[in-house]
Amino acid sequence: TVPHYKFYRFAVKVFGPAFRKLYHITYKGLENV
């Protein structure tokens, strides 16, 4: 089965901002998604 994990969204919300800053990430073309 394809599972659903609450940890994924938790990790994105809690660690995502720091991770983006750590690697100086810029995002372009998100309107294409």
PDB file of all heavy atoms in Angstrom:
ATOM      1  N   THR A   1       0.836  -1.201   0.000  1.00  0.00           N
ATOM      2  CA  THR A   1       0.000   0.000   0.000  1.00  0.00           C
ATOM      3  C   THR A   1       0.873   1.254   0.000  1.00  0.00           C
ATOM      4  O   THR A   1       2.006   1.224   0.487  1.00  0.00           O
ATOM      5  CB  THR A   1      -0.920   0.057   1.239  1.00  0.00           C
ATOM      6  OG1 THR A   1      -0.110   0.029   2.422  1.00  0.00           O
ATOM      7  CG2 THR A   1      -1.890  -1.114   1.261  1.00  0.00           C
ATOM      8  N   VAL A   2       0.342   2.334  -0.527  1.00  0.00           N
ATOM      9  CA  VAL A   2       1.037   3.623  -0.485  1.00  0.00           C
ATOM     10  C   VAL A   2       0.626   4.315   0.816  1.00  0.00           C
ATOM     11  O   VAL A   2      -0.548   4.654   0.994  1.00  0.00           O
ATOM     12  CB  VAL A   2       0.671   4.500  -1.700  1.00  0.00           C
ATOM     13  CG1 VAL A   2       1.434   5.824  -1.631  1.00  0.00           C
ATOM     14  CG2 VAL A   2       0.986   3.768  -2.999  1.00  0.00           C
ATOM     15  N   PRO A   3       1.555   4.538   1.743  1.00  0.00           N
ATOM     16  CA  PRO A   3       1.194   5.026   3.073  1.00  0.00           C
ATOM     17  C   PRO A   3       1.022   6.544   3.141  1.00  0.00           C
ATOM     18  O   PRO A   3       1.347   7.274   2.205  1.00  0.00           O
ATOM     19  CB  PRO A   3       2.391   4.601   3.921  1.00  0.00           C
ATOM     20  CG  PRO A   3       3.546   4.731   2.954  1.00  0.00           C
ATOM     21  CD  PRO A   3       2.996   4.292   1.617  1.00  0.00           C
ATOM     22  N   HIS A   4       0.517   6.987   4.275  1.00  0.00           N
ATOM     23  CA  HIS A   4       0.477   8.410   4.602  1.00  0.00           C
ATOM     24  C   HIS A   4       1.205   8.592   5.930  1.00  0.00           C
ATOM     25  O   HIS A   4       0.878   7.926   6.914  1.00  0.00           O
ATOM     26  CB  HIS A   4      -0.960   8.920   4.722  1.00  0.00           C
ATOM     27  CG  HIS A   4      -1.042  10.309   5.276  1.00  0.00           C
ATOM     28  ND1 HIS A   4      -0.701  11.422   4.530  1.00  0.00           N
ATOM     29  CD2 HIS A   4      -1.379  10.776   6.506  1.00  0.00           C
ATOM     30  CE1 HIS A   4      -0.848  12.510   5.269  1.00  0.00           C
ATOM     31  NE2 HIS A   4      -1.255  12.152   6.474  1.00  0.00           N
ATOM     32  N   TYR A   5       2.198   9.468   5.961  1.00  0.00           N
ATOM     33  CA  TYR A   5       2.963   9.698   7.186  1.00  0.00           C
ATOM     34  C   TYR A   5       2.864  11.166   7.601  1.00  0.00           C
ATOM     35  O   TYR A   5       3.146  12.065   6.807  1.00  0.00           O
ATOM     36  CB  TYR A   5       4.444   9.347   6.966  1.00  0.00           C
ATOM     37  CG  TYR A   5       4.717   7.886   6.724  1.00  0.00           C
ATOM     38  CD1 TYR A   5       5.322   7.470   5.529  1.00  0.00           C
ATOM     39  CD2 TYR A   5       4.387   6.929   7.676  1.00  0.00           C
ATOM     40  CE1 TYR A   5       5.588   6.125   5.305  1.00  0.00           C
ATOM     41  CE2 TYR A   5       4.655   5.588   7.451  1.00  0.00           C
ATOM     42  CZ  TYR A   5       5.250   5.195   6.263  1.00  0.00           C
ATOM     43  OH  TYR A   5       5.516   3.870   6.041  1.00  0.00           O
ATOM     44  N   LYS A   6       2.471  11.405   8.845  1.00  0.00           N
ATOM     45  CA  LYS A   6       2.414  12.764   9.366  1.00  0.00           C
ATOM     46  C   LYS A   6       3.808  13.365   9.502  1.00  0.00           C
ATOM     47  O   LYS A   6       3.974  14.589   9.467  1.00  0.00           O
ATOM     48  CB  LYS A   6       1.717  12.767  10.722  1.00  0.00           C
ATOM     49  CG  LYS A   6       0.238  12.422  10.651  1.00  0.00           C
ATOM     50  CD  LYS A   6      -0.401  12.488  12.029  1.00  0.00           C
ATOM     51  CE  LYS A   6      -1.892  12.154  11.948  1.00  0.00           C
ATOM     52  NZ  LYS A   6      -2.531  12.186  13.294  1.00  0.00           N
ATOM     53  N   PHE A   7       4.820  12.504   9.637  1.00  0.00           N
ATOM     54  CA  PHE A   7       6.190  12.982   9.820  1.00  0.00           C
ATOM     55  C   PHE A   7       6.645  13.837   8.648  1.00  0.00           C
ATOM     56  O   PHE A   7       7.410  14.796   8.823  1.00  0.00           O
ATOM     57  CB  PHE A   7       7.140  11.796   9.999  1.00  0.00           C
ATOM     58  CG  PHE A   7       8.589  12.184  10.106  1.00  0.00           C
ATOM     59  CD1 PHE A   7       9.094  12.714  11.287  1.00  0.00           C
ATOM     60  CD2 PHE A   7       9.458  12.033   9.033  1.00  0.00           C
ATOM     61  CE1 PHE A   7      10.431  13.097  11.395  1.00  0.00           C
ATOM     62  CE2 PHE A   7      10.793  12.401   9.129  1.00  0.00           C
ATOM     63  CZ  PHE A   7      11.275  12.926  10.307  1.00  0.00           C
ATOM     64  N   TYR A   8       6.190  13.509   7.441  1.00  0.00           N
ATOM     65  CA  TYR A   8       6.633  14.241   6.239  1.00  0.00           C
ATOM     66  C   TYR A   8       6.302  15.732   6.360  1.00  0.00           C
ATOM     67  O   TYR A   8       7.189  16.587   6.219  1.00  0.00           O
ATOM     68  CB  TYR A   8       5.983  13.643   4.998  1.00  0.00           C
ATOM     69  CG  TYR A   8       6.422  14.298   3.696  1.00  0.00           C
ATOM     70  CD1 TYR A   8       7.473  13.763   2.954  1.00  0.00           C
ATOM     71  CD2 TYR A   8       5.790  15.444   3.207  1.00  0.00           C
ATOM     72  CE1 TYR A   8       7.876  14.345   1.757  1.00  0.00           C
ATOM     73  CE2 TYR A   8       6.191  16.038   2.031  1.00  0.00           C
ATOM     74  CZ  TYR A   8       7.235  15.486   1.314  1.00  0.00           C
ATOM     75  OH  TYR A   8       7.625  16.081   0.144  1.00  0.00           O
ATOM     76  N   ARG A   9       5.048  16.053   6.616  1.00  0.00           N
ATOM     77  CA  ARG A   9       4.642  17.453   6.712  1.00  0.00           C
ATOM     78  C   ARG A   9       5.274  18.126   7.928  1.00  0.00           C
ATOM     79  O   ARG A   9       5.613  19.310   7.889  1.00  0.00           O
ATOM     80  CB  ARG A   9       3.111  17.555   6.772  1.00  0.00           C
ATOM     81  CG  ARG A   9       2.447  17.317   5.423  1.00  0.00           C
ATOM     82  CD  ARG A   9       2.964  18.307   4.386  1.00  0.00           C
ATOM     83  NE  ARG A   9       2.499  17.998   3.030  1.00  0.00           N
ATOM     84  CZ  ARG A   9       3.022  18.498   1.934  1.00  0.00           C
ATOM     85  NH1 ARG A   9       4.068  19.315   2.008  1.00  0.00           N
ATOM     86  NH2 ARG A   9       2.557  18.178   0.750  1.00  0.00           N
ATOM     87  N   PHE A  10       5.432  17.374   8.999  1.00  0.00           N
ATOM     88  CA  PHE A  10       6.111  17.908  10.182  1.00  0.00           C
ATOM     89  C   PHE A  10       7.537  18.320   9.831  1.00  0.00           C
ATOM     90  O   PHE A  10       7.993  19.422  10.169  1.00  0.00           O
ATOM     91  CB  PHE A  10       6.123  16.857  11.295  1.00  0.00           C
ATOM     92  CG  PHE A  10       7.006  17.209  12.464  1.00  0.00           C
ATOM     93  CD1 PHE A  10       6.562  18.077  13.458  1.00  0.00           C
ATOM     94  CD2 PHE A  10       8.289  16.680  12.571  1.00  0.00           C
ATOM     95  CE1 PHE A  10       7.375  18.412  14.543  1.00  0.00           C
ATOM     96  CE2 PHE A  10       9.119  17.016  13.637  1.00  0.00           C
ATOM     97  CZ  PHE A  10       8.653  17.884  14.628  1.00  0.00           C
ATOM     98  N   ALA A  11       8.257  17.446   9.121  1.00  0.00           N
ATOM     99  CA  ALA A  11       9.645  17.720   8.756  1.00  0.00           C
ATOM    100  C   ALA A  11       9.744  18.918   7.822  1.00  0.00           C
ATOM    101  O   ALA A  11      10.628  19.777   7.970  1.00  0.00           O
ATOM    102  CB  ALA A  11      10.264  16.483   8.102  1.00  0.00           C
ATOM    103  N   VAL A  12       8.834  19.005   6.845  1.00  0.00           N
ATOM    104  CA  VAL A  12       8.840  20.133   5.907  1.00  0.00           C
ATOM    105  C   VAL A  12       8.590  21.447   6.637  1.00  0.00           C
ATOM    106  O   VAL A  12       9.274  22.449   6.404  1.00  0.00           O
ATOM    107  CB  VAL A  12       7.779  19.921   4.799  1.00  0.00           C
ATOM    108  CG1 VAL A  12       7.589  21.199   3.986  1.00  0.00           C
ATOM    109  CG2 VAL A  12       8.195  18.778   3.885  1.00  0.00           C
ATOM    110  N   LYS A  13       7.626  21.441   7.549  1.00  0.00           N
ATOM    111  CA  LYS A  13       7.256  22.658   8.257  1.00  0.00           C
ATOM    112  C   LYS A  13       8.316  23.090   9.258  1.00  0.00           C
ATOM    113  O   LYS A  13       8.657  24.276   9.363  1.00  0.00           O
ATOM    114  CB  LYS A  13       5.925  22.447   8.977  1.00  0.00           C
ATOM    115  CG  LYS A  13       5.399  23.697   9.676  1.00  0.00           C
ATOM    116  CD  LYS A  13       4.029  23.451  10.291  1.00  0.00           C
ATOM    117  CE  LYS A  13       3.496  24.708  10.958  1.00  0.00           C
ATOM    118  NZ  LYS A  13       2.146  24.495  11.547  1.00  0.00           N
ATOM    119  N   VAL A  14       8.875  22.135   9.997  1.00  0.00           N
ATOM    120  CA  VAL A  14       9.805  22.459  11.076  1.00  0.00           C
ATOM    121  C   VAL A  14      11.228  22.674  10.567  1.00  0.00           C
ATOM    122  O   VAL A  14      11.901  23.629  10.954  1.00  0.00           O
ATOM    123  CB  VAL A  14       9.777  21.358  12.153  1.00  0.00           C
ATOM    124  CG1 VAL A  14      10.838  21.615  13.222  1.00  0.00           C
ATOM    125  CG2 VAL A  14       8.394  21.284  12.793  1.00  0.00           C
ATOM    126  N   PHE A  15      11.681  21.778   9.697  1.00  0.00           N
ATOM    127  CA  PHE A  15      13.077  21.835   9.245  1.00  0.00           C
ATOM    128  C   PHE A  15      13.254  22.518   7.890  1.00  0.00           C
ATOM    129  O   PHE A  15      14.366  22.939   7.552  1.00  0.00           O
ATOM    130  CB  PHE A  15      13.666  20.420   9.173  1.00  0.00           C
ATOM    131  CG  PHE A  15      13.615  19.683  10.478  1.00  0.00           C
ATOM    132  CD1 PHE A  15      12.799  18.566  10.638  1.00  0.00           C
ATOM    133  CD2 PHE A  15      14.380  20.096  11.561  1.00  0.00           C
ATOM    134  CE1 PHE A  15      12.743  17.884  11.841  1.00  0.00           C
ATOM    135  CE2 PHE A  15      14.343  19.415  12.767  1.00  0.00           C
ATOM    136  CZ  PHE A  15      13.510  18.312  12.916  1.00  0.00           C
ATOM    137  N   GLY A  16      12.172  22.636   7.122  1.00  0.00           N
ATOM    138  CA  GLY A  16      12.272  23.195   5.781  1.00  0.00           C
ATOM    139  C   GLY A  16      12.875  24.586   5.716  1.00  0.00           C
ATOM    140  O   GLY A  16      13.822  24.822   4.941  1.00  0.00           O
ATOM    141  N   PRO A  17      12.379  25.561   6.494  1.00  0.00           N
ATOM    142  CA  PRO A  17      12.924  26.923   6.422  1.00  0.00           C
ATOM    143  C   PRO A  17      14.422  26.987   6.709  1.00  0.00           C
ATOM    144  O   PRO A  17      15.171  27.695   6.021  1.00  0.00           O
ATOM    145  CB  PRO A  17      12.117  27.674   7.483  1.00  0.00           C
ATOM    146  CG  PRO A  17      10.826  26.941   7.560  1.00  0.00           C
ATOM    147  CD  PRO A  17      11.193  25.500   7.372  1.00  0.00           C
ATOM    148  N   ALA A  18      14.864  26.240   7.726  1.00  0.00           N
ATOM    149  CA  ALA A  18      16.292  26.241   8.063  1.00  0.00           C
ATOM    150  C   ALA A  18      17.109  25.584   6.954  1.00  0.00           C
ATOM    151  O   ALA A  18      18.206  26.048   6.612  1.00  0.00           O
ATOM    152  CB  ALA A  18      16.524  25.505   9.386  1.00  0.00           C
ATOM    153  N   PHE A  19      16.558  24.542   6.373  1.00  0.00           N
ATOM    154  CA  PHE A  19      17.243  23.824   5.292  1.00  0.00           C
ATOM    155  C   PHE A  19      17.394  24.725   4.072  1.00  0.00           C
ATOM    156  O   PHE A  19      18.458  24.777   3.450  1.00  0.00           O
ATOM    157  CB  PHE A  19      16.436  22.575   4.943  1.00  0.00           C
ATOM    158  CG  PHE A  19      17.185  21.553   4.151  1.00  0.00           C
ATOM    159  CD1 PHE A  19      17.928  20.574   4.779  1.00  0.00           C
ATOM    160  CD2 PHE A  19      17.143  21.571   2.768  1.00  0.00           C
ATOM    161  CE1 PHE A  19      18.611  19.616   4.044  1.00  0.00           C
ATOM    162  CE2 PHE A  19      17.818  20.625   2.024  1.00  0.00           C
ATOM    163  CZ  PHE A  19      18.564  19.646   2.667  1.00  0.00           C
ATOM    164  N   ARG A  20      16.336  25.450   3.738  1.00  0.00           N
ATOM    165  CA  ARG A  20      16.389  26.359   2.588  1.00  0.00           C
ATOM    166  C   ARG A  20      17.422  27.454   2.798  1.00  0.00           C
ATOM    167  O   ARG A  20      18.138  27.847   1.863  1.00  0.00           O
ATOM    168  CB  ARG A  20      15.006  26.972   2.340  1.00  0.00           C
ATOM    169  CG  ARG A  20      13.991  25.990   1.809  1.00  0.00           C
ATOM    170  CD  ARG A  20      12.576  26.531   1.755  1.00  0.00           C
ATOM    171  NE  ARG A  20      12.441  27.622   0.800  1.00  0.00           N
ATOM    172  CZ  ARG A  20      11.286  27.971   0.257  1.00  0.00           C
ATOM    173  NH1 ARG A  20      10.174  27.316   0.558  1.00  0.00           N
ATOM    174  NH2 ARG A  20      11.226  28.973  -0.596  1.00  0.00           N
ATOM    175  N   LYS A  21      17.516  27.947   4.022  1.00  0.00           N
ATOM    176  CA  LYS A  21      18.484  28.998   4.330  1.00  0.00           C
ATOM    177  C   LYS A  21      19.904  28.441   4.328  1.00  0.00           C
ATOM    178  O   LYS A  21      20.845  29.100   3.856  1.00  0.00           O
ATOM    179  CB  LYS A  21      18.161  29.624   5.690  1.00  0.00           C
ATOM    180  CG  LYS A  21      19.042  30.810   6.055  1.00  0.00           C
ATOM    181  CD  LYS A  21      18.590  31.462   7.356  1.00  0.00           C
ATOM    182  CE  LYS A  21      17.270  32.172   7.180  1.00  0.00           C
ATOM    183  NZ  LYS A  21      16.889  32.955   8.397  1.00  0.00           N
ATOM    184  N   LEU A  22      20.065  27.231   4.840  1.00  0.00           N
ATOM    185  CA  LEU A  22      21.381  26.603   4.934  1.00  0.00           C
ATOM    186  C   LEU A  22      22.014  26.433   3.555  1.00  0.00           C
ATOM    187  O   LEU A  22      23.222  26.609   3.381  1.00  0.00           O
ATOM    188  CB  LEU A  22      21.239  25.236   5.620  1.00  0.00           C
ATOM    189  CG  LEU A  22      22.506  24.513   6.054  1.00  0.00           C
ATOM    190  CD1 LEU A  22      23.224  25.290   7.151  1.00  0.00           C
ATOM    191  CD2 LEU A  22      22.163  23.105   6.542  1.00  0.00           C
ATOM    192  N   TYR A  23      21.171  26.096   2.566  1.00  0.00           N
ATOM    193  CA  TYR A  23      21.678  25.874   1.209  1.00  0.00           C
ATOM    194  C   TYR A  23      21.401  27.064   0.277  1.00  0.00           C
ATOM    195  O   TYR A  23      21.610  26.946  -0.931  1.00  0.00           O
ATOM    196  CB  TYR A  23      21.066  24.594   0.628  1.00  0.00           C
ATOM    197  CG  TYR A  23      21.693  23.342   1.206  1.00  0.00           C
ATOM    198  CD1 TYR A  23      21.159  22.733   2.333  1.00  0.00           C
ATOM    199  CD2 TYR A  23      22.841  22.785   0.644  1.00  0.00           C
ATOM    200  CE1 TYR A  23      21.739  21.598   2.882  1.00  0.00           C
ATOM    201  CE2 TYR A  23      23.424  21.653   1.178  1.00  0.00           C
ATOM    202  CZ  TYR A  23      22.871  21.061   2.300  1.00  0.00           C
ATOM    203  OH  TYR A  23      23.448  19.939   2.841  1.00  0.00           O
ATOM    204  N   HIS A  24      20.930  28.181   0.831  1.00  0.00           N
ATOM    205  CA  HIS A  24      20.669  29.389   0.031  1.00  0.00           C
ATOM    206  C   HIS A  24      19.850  29.054  -1.216  1.00  0.00           C
ATOM    207  O   HIS A  24      20.221  29.409  -2.340  1.00  0.00           O
ATOM    208  CB  HIS A  24      21.993  30.050  -0.376  1.00  0.00           C
ATOM    209  CG  HIS A  24      22.826  30.505   0.778  1.00  0.00           C
ATOM    210  ND1 HIS A  24      22.537  31.628   1.520  1.00  0.00           N
ATOM    211  CD2 HIS A  24      23.930  29.959   1.361  1.00  0.00           C
ATOM    212  CE1 HIS A  24      23.432  31.782   2.477  1.00  0.00           C
ATOM    213  NE2 HIS A  24      24.289  30.775   2.414  1.00  0.00           N
ATOM    214  N   ILE A  25      18.717  28.369  -1.020  1.00  0.00           N
ATOM    215  CA  ILE A  25      17.939  27.878  -2.153  1.00  0.00           C
ATOM    216  C   ILE A  25      16.985  28.952  -2.687  1.00  0.00           C
ATOM    217  O   ILE A  25      16.240  29.567  -1.927  1.00  0.00           O
ATOM    218  CB  ILE A  25      17.121  26.629  -1.778  1.00  0.00           C
ATOM    219  CG1 ILE A  25      18.016  25.563  -1.130  1.00  0.00           C
ATOM    220  CG2 ILE A  25      16.452  26.050  -3.021  1.00  0.00           C
ATOM    221  CD1 ILE A  25      17.262  24.342  -0.643  1.00  0.00           C
ATOM    222  N   THR A  26      17.022  29.150  -4.003  1.00  0.00           N
ATOM    223  CA  THR A  26      16.067  29.995  -4.703  1.00  0.00           C
ATOM    224  C   THR A  26      15.218  29.103  -5.598  1.00  0.00           C
ATOM    225  O   THR A  26      15.742  28.184  -6.245  1.00  0.00           O
ATOM    226  CB  THR A  26      16.789  31.046  -5.574  1.00  0.00           C
ATOM    227  OG1 THR A  26      17.589  31.886  -4.724  1.00  0.00           O
ATOM    228  CG2 THR A  26      15.795  31.909  -6.343  1.00  0.00           C
ATOM    229  N   TYR A  27      13.913  29.370  -5.633  1.00  0.00           N
ATOM    230  CA  TYR A  27      13.007  28.569  -6.450  1.00  0.00           C
ATOM    231  C   TYR A  27      12.460  29.402  -7.603  1.00  0.00           C
ATOM    232  O   TYR A  27      12.052  30.545  -7.422  1.00  0.00           O
ATOM    233  CB  TYR A  27      11.853  28.028  -5.595  1.00  0.00           C
ATOM    234  CG  TYR A  27      12.313  26.962  -4.627  1.00  0.00           C
ATOM    235  CD1 TYR A  27      12.715  27.290  -3.338  1.00  0.00           C
ATOM    236  CD2 TYR A  27      12.378  25.628  -5.018  1.00  0.00           C
ATOM    237  CE1 TYR A  27      13.156  26.315  -2.454  1.00  0.00           C
ATOM    238  CE2 TYR A  27      12.817  24.644  -4.143  1.00  0.00           C
ATOM    239  CZ  TYR A  27      13.204  24.993  -2.867  1.00  0.00           C
ATOM    240  OH  TYR A  27      13.652  24.026  -2.002  1.00  0.00           O
ATOM    241  N   LYS A  28      12.459  28.813  -8.795  1.00  0.00           N
ATOM    242  CA  LYS A  28      11.937  29.480  -9.981  1.00  0.00           C
ATOM    243  C   LYS A  28      11.022  28.522 -10.748  1.00  0.00           C
ATOM    244  O   LYS A  28      11.240  27.319 -10.770  1.00  0.00           O
ATOM    245  CB  LYS A  28      13.086  29.924 -10.904  1.00  0.00           C
ATOM    246  CG  LYS A  28      14.008  30.977 -10.291  1.00  0.00           C
ATOM    247  CD  LYS A  28      15.054  31.432 -11.299  1.00  0.00           C
ATOM    248  CE  LYS A  28      15.950  32.523 -10.702  1.00  0.00           C
ATOM    249  NZ  LYS A  28      16.958  32.984 -11.706  1.00  0.00           N
ATOM    250  N   GLY A  29      10.002  29.099 -11.384  1.00  0.00           N
ATOM    251  CA  GLY A  29       9.118  28.313 -12.247  1.00  0.00           C
ATOM    252  C   GLY A  29       8.075  27.492 -11.520  1.00  0.00           C
ATOM    253  O   GLY A  29       7.478  26.584 -12.120  1.00  0.00           O
ATOM    254  N   LEU A  30       7.801  27.802 -10.262  1.00  0.00           N
ATOM    255  CA  LEU A  30       6.801  27.032  -9.515  1.00  0.00           C
ATOM    256  C   LEU A  30       5.408  27.136 -10.135  1.00  0.00           C
ATOM    257  O   LEU A  30       4.560  26.269  -9.904  1.00  0.00           O
ATOM    258  CB  LEU A  30       6.766  27.490  -8.057  1.00  0.00           C
ATOM    259  CG  LEU A  30       7.875  26.905  -7.168  1.00  0.00           C
ATOM    260  CD1 LEU A  30       8.015  27.705  -5.884  1.00  0.00           C
ATOM    261  CD2 LEU A  30       7.592  25.436  -6.865  1.00  0.00           C
ATOM    262  N   GLU A  31       5.195  28.178 -10.944  1.00  0.00           N
ATOM    263  CA  GLU A  31       3.900  28.310 -11.624  1.00  0.00           C
ATOM    264  C   GLU A  31       3.695  27.195 -12.654  1.00  0.00           C
ATOM    265  O   GLU A  31       2.560  26.957 -13.123  1.00  0.00           O
ATOM    266  CB  GLU A  31       3.777  29.677 -12.308  1.00  0.00           C
ATOM    267  CG  GLU A  31       4.694  29.909 -13.500  1.00  0.00           C
ATOM    268  CD  GLU A  31       6.113  30.364 -13.106  1.00  0.00           C
ATOM    269  OE1 GLU A  31       6.412  30.408 -11.892  1.00  0.00           O
ATOM    270  OE2 GLU A  31       6.896  30.664 -14.026  1.00  0.00           O
ATOM    271  N   ASN A  32       4.771  26.496 -13.028  1.00  0.00           N
ATOM    272  CA  ASN A  32       4.671  25.397 -13.997  1.00  0.00           C
ATOM    273  C   ASN A  32       4.216  24.084 -13.372  1.00  0.00           C
ATOM    274  O   ASN A  32       3.905  23.131 -14.100  1.00  0.00           O
ATOM    275  CB  ASN A  32       6.024  25.179 -14.685  1.00  0.00           C
ATOM    276  CG  ASN A  32       6.423  26.336 -15.577  1.00  0.00           C
ATOM    277  OD1 ASN A  32       5.582  26.908 -16.274  1.00  0.00           O
ATOM    278  ND2 ASN A  32       7.694  26.698 -15.556  1.00  0.00           N
ATOM    279  N   VAL A  33       4.201  24.014 -12.055  1.00  0.00           N
ATOM    280  CA  VAL A  33       3.797  22.772 -11.387  1.00  0.00           C
ATOM    281  C   VAL A  33       2.301  22.553 -11.603  1.00  0.00           C
ATOM    282  O   VAL A  33       1.490  23.424 -11.273  1.00  0.00           O
ATOM    283  CB  VAL A  33       4.107  22.830  -9.878  1.00  0.00           C
ATOM    284  CG1 VAL A  33       3.633  21.559  -9.190  1.00  0.00           C
ATOM    285  CG2 VAL A  33       5.602  23.037  -9.655  1.00  0.00           C
TER     286      VAL A  33
END
